Amino acid sequence: MDLKQKINLELRNRAPEEVTELVLDNCHSVNGEIEGLNDTFKELEFLSMVNVALTSLARLPSLSKLRKLELSDNIISGGLEVLAEKCPNLTYLNLSGNKIKDLSTVEALMIMTKMKMKRRMKQVHQEDMRKRRKMKMKQVQIWREKKRRWVSHT
């Protein structure tokens, strides 16, 4: 069974937009590339393509909600920079049993991690600023209330 057939089978009469998990293990890729998976899988959070004979991730669609990706036991040796662009929320990646020979291949993943950390730090800073503004407004309200009471007593 090839990837396209397995995807159709796994959909089980659901629209691709409704699918959050997709397991495509032990089927066959055509020419070592991803086929049948496209941008309509907008809600996909978990994708497993174990032992599919993948050599490339070049045809991986944009999966902005994908958090967990299983790619073990394939023939992938590079091209991991695609993950940083196509899967910005990826938190778990299994590449065991692939043909990765040196650390320079996974440098793209380090860049992705640094980008995530910068985004998270920016979010934390923005949340902190909102809390500070809220506290400041509360202090101003308390001060105004005290001032109003003091003026009414004199």
N, C-alpha and C. Protein backbone atom coordinates (compact mmCIF):
# COMPACT_ATOMS: atom_id res chain seq x y z
N MET A 1 0.85 -1.18 0.00
CA MET A 1 0.00 0.00 0.00
C MET A 1 0.90 1.24 0.00
N ASP A 2 0.58 2.22 -0.84
CA ASP A 2 1.39 3.44 -0.88
C ASP A 2 0.80 4.50 0.06
N LEU A 3 1.53 5.61 0.21
CA LEU A 3 1.11 6.67 1.14
C LEU A 3 -0.28 7.22 0.84
N LYS A 4 -0.56 7.50 -0.43
CA LYS A 4 -1.87 8.05 -0.80
C LYS A 4 -3.00 7.11 -0.39
N GLN A 5 -2.85 5.84 -0.66
CA GLN A 5 -3.87 4.86 -0.30
C GLN A 5 -4.04 4.78 1.22
N LYS A 6 -2.93 4.80 1.94
CA LYS A 6 -2.98 4.72 3.40
C LYS A 6 -3.67 5.95 3.99
N ILE A 7 -3.40 7.13 3.41
CA ILE A 7 -4.05 8.35 3.89
C ILE A 7 -5.55 8.25 3.69
N ASN A 8 -5.97 7.82 2.50
CA ASN A 8 -7.41 7.65 2.24
C ASN A 8 -8.05 6.66 3.20
N LEU A 9 -7.34 5.59 3.50
CA LEU A 9 -7.84 4.59 4.44
C LEU A 9 -7.96 5.18 5.85
N GLU A 10 -6.94 5.91 6.26
CA GLU A 10 -6.92 6.49 7.62
C GLU A 10 -7.92 7.62 7.82
N LEU A 11 -8.34 8.26 6.75
CA LEU A 11 -9.32 9.35 6.88
C LEU A 11 -10.65 8.85 7.43
N ARG A 12 -11.02 7.63 7.08
CA ARG A 12 -12.26 7.02 7.59
C ARG A 12 -13.47 7.94 7.42
N ASN A 13 -13.69 8.38 6.19
CA ASN A 13 -14.83 9.25 5.83
C ASN A 13 -14.83 10.60 6.56
N ARG A 14 -13.67 11.05 7.00
CA ARG A 14 -13.54 12.37 7.61
C ARG A 14 -12.87 13.31 6.62
N ALA A 15 -13.15 14.58 6.76
CA ALA A 15 -12.47 15.58 5.95
C ALA A 15 -11.05 15.77 6.52
N PRO A 16 -10.06 16.06 5.67
CA PRO A 16 -8.69 16.27 6.16
C PRO A 16 -8.60 17.35 7.24
N GLU A 17 -9.48 18.35 7.17
CA GLU A 17 -9.46 19.45 8.15
C GLU A 17 -9.83 18.99 9.56
N GLU A 18 -10.46 17.82 9.68
CA GLU A 18 -10.92 17.31 10.98
C GLU A 18 -9.91 16.40 11.65
N VAL A 19 -8.90 15.96 10.91
CA VAL A 19 -7.96 14.96 11.41
C VAL A 19 -6.89 15.62 12.28
N THR A 20 -6.71 15.07 13.50
CA THR A 20 -5.66 15.58 14.40
C THR A 20 -4.50 14.60 14.53
N GLU A 21 -4.76 13.31 14.25
CA GLU A 21 -3.72 12.30 14.31
C GLU A 21 -3.75 11.46 13.04
N LEU A 22 -2.57 11.15 12.52
CA LEU A 22 -2.49 10.36 11.30
C LEU A 22 -1.30 9.40 11.40
N VAL A 23 -1.59 8.09 11.31
CA VAL A 23 -0.56 7.07 11.40
C VAL A 23 -0.43 6.40 10.04
N LEU A 24 0.71 6.60 9.40
CA LEU A 24 0.95 6.07 8.05
C LEU A 24 2.11 5.09 8.04
N ASP A 25 2.33 4.40 9.13
CA ASP A 25 3.46 3.49 9.29
C ASP A 25 3.40 2.30 8.32
N ASN A 26 4.58 1.84 7.93
CA ASN A 26 4.77 0.62 7.15
C ASN A 26 4.09 0.58 5.79
N CYS A 27 3.89 1.74 5.18
CA CYS A 27 3.42 1.74 3.79
C CYS A 27 4.60 2.19 2.92
N HIS A 28 4.40 2.37 1.64
CA HIS A 28 5.51 2.67 0.73
C HIS A 28 5.39 4.08 0.15
N SER A 29 6.49 4.81 0.22
CA SER A 29 6.54 6.11 -0.44
C SER A 29 6.98 5.90 -1.88
N VAL A 30 6.55 6.80 -2.74
CA VAL A 30 6.96 6.74 -4.15
C VAL A 30 8.18 7.64 -4.30
N ASN A 31 9.27 7.08 -4.77
CA ASN A 31 10.54 7.80 -4.95
C ASN A 31 11.06 8.42 -3.66
N GLY A 32 10.69 7.87 -2.51
CA GLY A 32 11.19 8.34 -1.23
C GLY A 32 10.62 9.68 -0.79
N GLU A 33 9.52 10.12 -1.40
CA GLU A 33 8.93 11.42 -1.06
C GLU A 33 7.52 11.26 -0.50
N ILE A 34 7.09 12.29 0.19
CA ILE A 34 5.75 12.32 0.77
C ILE A 34 4.73 12.64 -0.31
N GLU A 35 3.73 11.80 -0.44
CA GLU A 35 2.66 12.03 -1.42
C GLU A 35 1.31 11.84 -0.75
N GLY A 36 0.33 12.66 -1.15
CA GLY A 36 -1.02 12.54 -0.63
C GLY A 36 -1.30 13.38 0.59
N LEU A 37 -0.26 13.89 1.23
CA LEU A 37 -0.41 14.74 2.39
C LEU A 37 -0.31 16.18 1.90
N ASN A 38 -1.28 17.04 2.27
CA ASN A 38 -1.26 18.41 1.78
C ASN A 38 -1.69 19.40 2.85
N ASP A 39 -1.78 20.67 2.49
CA ASP A 39 -2.08 21.76 3.43
C ASP A 39 -3.49 21.70 4.01
N THR A 40 -4.36 20.83 3.49
CA THR A 40 -5.73 20.75 4.03
C THR A 40 -5.77 20.08 5.40
N PHE A 41 -4.69 19.43 5.81
CA PHE A 41 -4.62 18.81 7.14
C PHE A 41 -4.23 19.87 8.18
N LYS A 42 -5.05 20.89 8.31
CA LYS A 42 -4.75 22.06 9.13
C LYS A 42 -4.71 21.78 10.63
N GLU A 43 -5.45 20.78 11.09
CA GLU A 43 -5.55 20.48 12.52
C GLU A 43 -4.62 19.37 12.98
N LEU A 44 -3.79 18.86 12.08
CA LEU A 44 -2.93 17.72 12.38
C LEU A 44 -1.92 18.07 13.47
N GLU A 45 -1.95 17.31 14.57
CA GLU A 45 -1.04 17.51 15.69
C GLU A 45 -0.03 16.38 15.83
N PHE A 46 -0.39 15.20 15.34
CA PHE A 46 0.49 14.03 15.44
C PHE A 46 0.54 13.33 14.09
N LEU A 47 1.75 13.09 13.59
CA LEU A 47 1.94 12.41 12.32
C LEU A 47 3.03 11.36 12.49
N SER A 48 2.71 10.13 12.10
CA SER A 48 3.68 9.04 12.17
C SER A 48 3.88 8.44 10.79
N MET A 49 5.13 8.45 10.33
CA MET A 49 5.51 7.83 9.06
C MET A 49 6.75 6.97 9.31
N VAL A 50 6.56 5.93 10.10
CA VAL A 50 7.64 5.02 10.46
C VAL A 50 7.77 3.95 9.38
N ASN A 51 9.00 3.68 8.96
CA ASN A 51 9.29 2.63 7.98
C ASN A 51 8.51 2.81 6.67
N VAL A 52 8.65 4.02 6.09
CA VAL A 52 7.95 4.36 4.86
C VAL A 52 8.93 4.51 3.70
N ALA A 53 10.21 4.34 3.95
CA ALA A 53 11.28 4.49 2.96
C ALA A 53 11.39 5.93 2.46
N LEU A 54 11.18 6.89 3.35
CA LEU A 54 11.34 8.31 2.98
C LEU A 54 12.81 8.66 2.88
N THR A 55 13.16 9.38 1.83
CA THR A 55 14.52 9.89 1.69
C THR A 55 14.53 11.41 1.80
N SER A 56 13.35 12.04 1.68
CA SER A 56 13.27 13.49 1.64
C SER A 56 12.01 14.00 2.33
N LEU A 57 12.13 15.18 2.92
CA LEU A 57 10.99 15.86 3.52
C LEU A 57 10.58 17.08 2.68
N ALA A 58 11.13 17.20 1.49
CA ALA A 58 10.90 18.36 0.64
C ALA A 58 9.42 18.59 0.33
N ARG A 59 8.65 17.54 0.22
CA ARG A 59 7.23 17.68 -0.13
C ARG A 59 6.32 17.69 1.10
N LEU A 60 6.89 17.88 2.27
CA LEU A 60 6.09 17.99 3.49
C LEU A 60 5.27 19.28 3.42
N PRO A 61 3.96 19.20 3.60
CA PRO A 61 3.15 20.42 3.55
C PRO A 61 3.30 21.24 4.82
N SER A 62 2.79 22.46 4.80
CA SER A 62 2.78 23.28 6.01
C SER A 62 1.77 22.70 6.99
N LEU A 63 2.26 22.35 8.15
CA LEU A 63 1.42 21.77 9.21
C LEU A 63 1.66 22.58 10.48
N SER A 64 1.04 23.72 10.58
CA SER A 64 1.33 24.67 11.65
C SER A 64 0.96 24.17 13.04
N LYS A 65 0.05 23.22 13.16
CA LYS A 65 -0.34 22.72 14.48
C LYS A 65 0.37 21.42 14.86
N LEU A 66 1.21 20.91 13.97
CA LEU A 66 1.90 19.64 14.24
C LEU A 66 2.85 19.79 15.41
N ARG A 67 2.70 18.92 16.40
CA ARG A 67 3.55 18.95 17.59
C ARG A 67 4.46 17.73 17.68
N LYS A 68 3.98 16.59 17.16
CA LYS A 68 4.74 15.34 17.30
C LYS A 68 4.88 14.69 15.94
N LEU A 69 6.13 14.37 15.56
CA LEU A 69 6.42 13.78 14.26
C LEU A 69 7.32 12.56 14.44
N GLU A 70 6.84 11.41 14.02
CA GLU A 70 7.58 10.15 14.08
C GLU A 70 8.09 9.82 12.68
N LEU A 71 9.40 9.80 12.50
CA LEU A 71 10.00 9.49 11.20
C LEU A 71 11.07 8.40 11.31
N SER A 72 10.98 7.56 12.30
CA SER A 72 12.02 6.54 12.50
C SER A 72 12.01 5.49 11.40
N ASP A 73 13.15 4.85 11.23
CA ASP A 73 13.34 3.76 10.28
C ASP A 73 13.02 4.13 8.84
N ASN A 74 13.52 5.28 8.42
CA ASN A 74 13.42 5.71 7.02
C ASN A 74 14.84 5.83 6.47
N ILE A 75 15.02 6.55 5.37
CA ILE A 75 16.33 6.68 4.73
C ILE A 75 16.71 8.17 4.64
N ILE A 76 16.20 8.97 5.54
CA ILE A 76 16.44 10.42 5.53
C ILE A 76 17.89 10.69 5.93
N SER A 77 18.57 11.51 5.14
CA SER A 77 19.96 11.83 5.45
C SER A 77 20.19 13.34 5.56
N GLY A 78 19.18 14.15 5.22
CA GLY A 78 19.33 15.61 5.29
C GLY A 78 18.02 16.29 4.97
N GLY A 79 18.11 17.59 4.75
CA GLY A 79 16.93 18.38 4.39
C GLY A 79 16.01 18.66 5.55
N LEU A 80 16.53 18.65 6.76
CA LEU A 80 15.70 18.85 7.95
C LEU A 80 15.28 20.30 8.16
N GLU A 81 15.92 21.23 7.42
CA GLU A 81 15.58 22.65 7.54
C GLU A 81 14.12 22.91 7.17
N VAL A 82 13.53 22.03 6.39
CA VAL A 82 12.13 22.14 6.00
C VAL A 82 11.22 22.14 7.24
N LEU A 83 11.61 21.40 8.26
CA LEU A 83 10.79 21.29 9.47
C LEU A 83 10.61 22.63 10.17
N ALA A 84 11.66 23.43 10.20
CA ALA A 84 11.58 24.73 10.87
C ALA A 84 10.54 25.63 10.20
N GLU A 85 10.46 25.56 8.90
CA GLU A 85 9.53 26.40 8.14
C GLU A 85 8.12 25.81 8.14
N LYS A 86 7.99 24.53 7.92
CA LYS A 86 6.68 23.91 7.72
C LYS A 86 5.98 23.49 9.01
N CYS A 87 6.74 23.25 10.06
CA CYS A 87 6.16 22.76 11.33
C CYS A 87 6.68 23.61 12.49
N PRO A 88 6.25 24.85 12.60
CA PRO A 88 6.81 25.76 13.60
C PRO A 88 6.51 25.37 15.06
N ASN A 89 5.50 24.55 15.30
CA ASN A 89 5.15 24.18 16.67
C ASN A 89 5.59 22.77 17.06
N LEU A 90 6.50 22.21 16.29
CA LEU A 90 6.98 20.86 16.55
C LEU A 90 7.74 20.81 17.88
N THR A 91 7.35 19.90 18.76
CA THR A 91 8.02 19.75 20.06
C THR A 91 8.67 18.38 20.22
N TYR A 92 8.27 17.41 19.41
CA TYR A 92 8.82 16.06 19.49
C TYR A 92 9.12 15.55 18.08
N LEU A 93 10.32 15.03 17.89
CA LEU A 93 10.72 14.52 16.59
C LEU A 93 11.56 13.26 16.80
N ASN A 94 11.17 12.16 16.16
CA ASN A 94 11.93 10.92 16.25
C ASN A 94 12.52 10.62 14.88
N LEU A 95 13.85 10.67 14.80
CA LEU A 95 14.58 10.39 13.56
C LEU A 95 15.46 9.14 13.69
N SER A 96 15.22 8.33 14.69
CA SER A 96 16.08 7.15 14.90
C SER A 96 15.98 6.20 13.72
N GLY A 97 17.07 5.54 13.42
CA GLY A 97 17.10 4.57 12.34
C GLY A 97 17.14 5.17 10.95
N ASN A 98 17.54 6.43 10.83
CA ASN A 98 17.68 7.08 9.52
C ASN A 98 19.16 7.10 9.13
N LYS A 99 19.49 7.74 8.04
CA LYS A 99 20.85 7.74 7.51
C LYS A 99 21.60 9.03 7.83
N ILE A 100 21.30 9.65 8.94
CA ILE A 100 21.96 10.89 9.35
C ILE A 100 23.35 10.53 9.87
N LYS A 101 24.39 11.15 9.26
CA LYS A 101 25.76 10.76 9.58
C LYS A 101 26.50 11.75 10.46
N ASP A 102 26.16 13.04 10.39
CA ASP A 102 26.89 14.00 11.21
C ASP A 102 25.96 15.06 11.78
N LEU A 103 26.45 15.76 12.77
CA LEU A 103 25.65 16.75 13.49
C LEU A 103 25.25 17.96 12.64
N SER A 104 26.00 18.24 11.59
CA SER A 104 25.66 19.40 10.76
C SER A 104 24.27 19.22 10.13
N THR A 105 23.85 17.99 9.97
CA THR A 105 22.52 17.71 9.41
C THR A 105 21.41 18.20 10.32
N VAL A 106 21.64 18.16 11.62
CA VAL A 106 20.59 18.57 12.56
C VAL A 106 20.73 20.02 13.03
N GLU A 107 21.67 20.76 12.45
CA GLU A 107 21.82 22.17 12.81
C GLU A 107 20.54 22.96 12.55
N ALA A 108 19.81 22.61 11.52
CA ALA A 108 18.54 23.29 11.22
C ALA A 108 17.57 23.16 12.37
N LEU A 109 17.62 22.03 13.05
CA LEU A 109 16.74 21.83 14.20
C LEU A 109 17.13 22.74 15.36
N MET A 110 18.43 23.01 15.50
CA MET A 110 18.88 23.93 16.54
C MET A 110 18.37 25.33 16.27
N ILE A 111 18.37 25.73 15.01
CA ILE A 111 17.85 27.05 14.63
C ILE A 111 16.38 27.12 14.98
N MET A 112 15.64 26.05 14.70
CA MET A 112 14.22 25.99 15.00
C MET A 112 14.00 26.15 16.51
N THR A 113 14.79 25.47 17.31
CA THR A 113 14.67 25.55 18.76
C THR A 113 14.95 26.97 19.24
N LYS A 114 15.97 27.61 18.69
CA LYS A 114 16.30 28.99 19.09
C LYS A 114 15.16 29.93 18.73
N MET A 115 14.55 29.73 17.54
CA MET A 115 13.43 30.58 17.14
C MET A 115 12.25 30.41 18.08
N LYS A 116 11.98 29.17 18.48
CA LYS A 116 10.89 28.90 19.43
C LYS A 116 11.16 29.58 20.76
N MET A 117 12.42 29.50 21.22
CA MET A 117 12.77 30.11 22.50
C MET A 117 12.59 31.62 22.43
N LYS A 118 12.99 32.24 21.33
CA LYS A 118 12.83 33.69 21.18
C LYS A 118 11.34 34.07 21.19
N ARG A 119 10.52 33.28 20.46
CA ARG A 119 9.08 33.55 20.45
C ARG A 119 8.49 33.42 21.84
N ARG A 120 8.90 32.38 22.58
CA ARG A 120 8.37 32.16 23.93
C ARG A 120 8.80 33.29 24.86
N MET A 121 10.06 33.71 24.76
CA MET A 121 10.54 34.81 25.60
C MET A 121 9.76 36.09 25.31
N LYS A 122 9.45 36.33 24.04
CA LYS A 122 8.67 37.50 23.67
C LYS A 122 7.26 37.41 24.26
N GLN A 123 6.66 36.22 24.21
CA GLN A 123 5.33 36.03 24.80
C GLN A 123 5.35 36.27 26.29
N VAL A 124 6.37 35.73 26.97
CA VAL A 124 6.49 35.91 28.41
C VAL A 124 6.64 37.40 28.74
N HIS A 125 7.46 38.09 27.96
CA HIS A 125 7.66 39.53 28.18
C HIS A 125 6.34 40.29 27.99
N GLN A 126 5.60 39.96 26.94
CA GLN A 126 4.33 40.63 26.68
C GLN A 126 3.32 40.36 27.79
N GLU A 127 3.27 39.12 28.27
CA GLU A 127 2.37 38.78 29.37
C GLU A 127 2.75 39.55 30.63
N ASP A 128 4.06 39.64 30.89
CA ASP A 128 4.55 40.37 32.05
C ASP A 128 4.17 41.85 31.95
N MET A 129 4.32 42.43 30.77
CA MET A 129 3.96 43.84 30.58
C MET A 129 2.45 44.05 30.81
N ARG A 130 1.62 43.13 30.34
CA ARG A 130 0.17 43.22 30.56
C ARG A 130 -0.15 43.19 32.04
N LYS A 131 0.50 42.28 32.77
CA LYS A 131 0.27 42.17 34.23
C LYS A 131 0.69 43.45 34.93
N ARG A 132 1.82 44.01 34.52
CA ARG A 132 2.31 45.25 35.15
C ARG A 132 1.34 46.41 34.89
N ARG A 133 0.84 46.51 33.64
CA ARG A 133 -0.13 47.56 33.33
C ARG A 133 -1.39 47.39 34.16
N LYS A 134 -1.83 46.16 34.29
CA LYS A 134 -3.04 45.87 35.06
C LYS A 134 -2.85 46.26 36.52
N MET A 135 -1.68 45.91 37.09
CA MET A 135 -1.38 46.27 38.47
C MET A 135 -1.31 47.78 38.63
N LYS A 136 -0.71 48.44 37.68
CA LYS A 136 -0.57 49.90 37.72
C LYS A 136 -1.96 50.56 37.71
N MET A 137 -2.83 50.05 36.83
CA MET A 137 -4.20 50.59 36.76
C MET A 137 -4.93 50.38 38.07
N LYS A 138 -4.73 49.22 38.68
CA LYS A 138 -5.38 48.94 39.96
C LYS A 138 -4.85 49.89 41.03
N GLN A 139 -3.54 50.14 41.04
CA GLN A 139 -2.95 51.07 42.00
C GLN A 139 -3.51 52.48 41.80
N VAL A 140 -3.66 52.89 40.56
CA VAL A 140 -4.22 54.21 40.25
C VAL A 140 -5.66 54.28 40.75
N GLN A 141 -6.43 53.24 40.54
CA GLN A 141 -7.82 53.22 41.01
C GLN A 141 -7.88 53.32 42.53
N ILE A 142 -7.01 52.58 43.22
CA ILE A 142 -6.98 52.64 44.69
C ILE A 142 -6.60 54.04 45.14
N TRP A 143 -5.60 54.62 44.51
CA TRP A 143 -5.17 55.97 44.87
C TRP A 143 -6.30 56.97 44.66
N ARG A 144 -7.01 56.87 43.54
CA ARG A 144 -8.14 57.77 43.26
C ARG A 144 -9.24 57.61 44.30
N GLU A 145 -9.51 56.36 44.68
CA GLU A 145 -10.55 56.11 45.69
C GLU A 145 -10.15 56.71 47.03
N LYS A 146 -8.88 56.55 47.42
CA LYS A 146 -8.39 57.14 48.68
C LYS A 146 -8.48 58.66 48.62
N LYS A 147 -8.11 59.22 47.50
CA LYS A 147 -8.15 60.67 47.32
C LYS A 147 -9.59 61.16 47.42
N ARG A 148 -10.52 60.46 46.81
CA ARG A 148 -11.92 60.83 46.84
C ARG A 148 -12.45 60.81 48.28
N ARG A 149 -12.07 59.76 49.03
CA ARG A 149 -12.49 59.65 50.42
C ARG A 149 -11.90 60.78 51.27
N TRP A 150 -10.60 61.06 51.04
CA TRP A 150 -9.93 62.10 51.81
C TRP A 150 -10.59 63.46 51.54
N VAL A 151 -10.90 63.75 50.27
CA VAL A 151 -11.52 65.02 49.90
C VAL A 151 -12.92 65.12 50.49
N SER A 152 -13.66 64.05 50.53
CA SER A 152 -15.03 64.08 51.06
C SER A 152 -15.04 64.25 52.58
N HIS A 153 -13.96 63.88 53.30
CA HIS A 153 -13.89 64.01 54.76
C HIS A 153 -13.44 65.41 55.17
N THR A 154 -12.83 66.15 54.29
CA THR A 154 -12.33 67.47 54.69
C THR A 154 -13.29 68.57 54.35
